[in-house]
């Protein structure tokens, strides 16, 4: 029997330990390794199933631990209004996200999933989050620094709930207000939309000096990956019909709808979402020329391209008519991550079959996975996959509400102020005997916020979240001796006999999102017109319009003393009162043309038939007054 000396035994043990350490050291898990090395190391270890899993995004309701583990799912999302519980706390959100993440980390390679959510005007699905004005109002401000700060605040509130990825900003250039998503667009003018891409810097952080063009960038745990959407031409469809066909030349596409993508890519945007719409009859989700040849190869975009919700299904008409064709067309066009979002086994099975049968080349799968991993590595998801409670106090913080209130003030556009310049109605006096507040939208937080608030389509009433209605804001602002009377839809007799010093009428559109908002008549919802006539026929009045776009007001303008476009201001209605009563002046200028009649549409600044009620860039101004 051979004998080992103690030193020899120790040496052997050391060798074994070294070998063991060598075996468990994985370059991709080492943050000191260069990005390219980490991606390459991880990809060489991945099976086809693990790669296709990374390309799959599923809805949180189907993201069971088993689904995450067995299918190596790369991403999970909340659809509009999809929440872990009604009025869920940030802690409840964090617990849900971490439960899903634990399942991902327990897989063989431990690749973290990335959780995404629509945070399009603040963290809008979440109870008590700050709801900022929708983009249509922010475009009015022409203030890139303001939207950058809104991006920073939104990133903190999204991270407060444990989520690292926001499907924002929408950089559509809405060319026809009949489109139900026009409020998600900053302007009909691409130059304003380009300016507003500064929100990406707020969401993701500022690019380090000497960054390589097109490489995604997310500056750590207080920032989120952003998503420029919807590529490309979503705002240019015929008659503004959602998901429809944008008929325009290549030069037109390049000069109107494409420019904001150049800015977004230059700012290091992590992801880009394809549009449901078509360009000259070709579905964007199946457009290889624009997604691969132009976006990836020409513009050198190095983040990942994500589909829209069931975007592959909608390549065919009717949707899902030939899903295997849709998978081939969509993935073949260059889509990297597919927002399935429910029936993920069908997507995985179809794509697996197509790769194994050389219908889709392995190089296409590798391109997709490389891009997805690049974003995950860059944003530090491998080092910090689990969320903690350190930012929960950021949700709906006072500082963020003050920022939203500032945004509201700057987004208001004064369209009329008195019959003549020397007899303005605004700013209103805080001290008056008795004033009337009327209209469907005066005491309705849900209407004030619009679509994409708590639920996908938005809600009416005041129970949806925390905020200040315009009525409450008026009461907060006037002198304590001023009597405020509220009547939603008063009759003319009530107004005449009321001896009011003046009236504030707040009317507009109900909440809506996407196709549900497509409209051919663009009218103020009933009984708004009636309220305007009853009130403004009897007393000096200012009409405040709450809407996601210009609406028909020409019939009422002559009977109104002052007219304010307030768009969809969000939860901080106090910002409206701040300006009505002169604590701040009106500064906003229209970022959209205000038409006379819908027959003129589409009509954008620069068009030969341009004959608006209020032109692009119009906005009266007032000076702040110093009332007690």
Foldseek 3Di string as FASTA:
>chain_A
DDDDDPVVVVVVVVVVVVVVVVVPDQPLLDLVDDLVNNLVRVVVVDDPQLLVLLQEEAELVQLDLCCCAVRVHAEYEHEFLRDPDAQDALVSLQVSLQNSQVSNCPHPSRRGHAYEYAQAQAPFQHFLFFGFQALCLLLLLLDQVLLLQSLQLSLLQCLLSVHAAHADDELFQALAVLAQCLSSHNFVASVSSLSNLSSQCSQANFDDPPDDFQAAARDESSHHQYEYDAPWDQNQADNNFGLEEREDDPVCRCRGTCPSVLSNRRRRRQEYEHGSHYYPPQGRLQALCCQPVPVCPVRVNQAAYEYPALSLQSNDVVGVPPNLVSLLRRLVSQHQHYPNYHPVVVSSVSVVVCPVVVSDDPVSSSSSSSNSVSSCSNHCCSVPVRRDNPSSCSGNHPVSLVSSLVSLLSSKFWDFAAPDPVDGCPLPALDDQEEEEEAPQQQWQQQLSAASHSGRQTDTHDPNHAFAGLNNLSVVRHDPNYHYHYDHADALVCQQPVPHQEYEYEWEDGHGHGNVSNDLFQATDPPRVNSLCSNLVRGAYEYEYAASDAGACLVRVVSHGIYMDSYRSHRYSNSVNCDSNQVAKHDTFRSFFRANGSVVPSDGPPDPVDDHPAGGRDGDMDGRDDDD
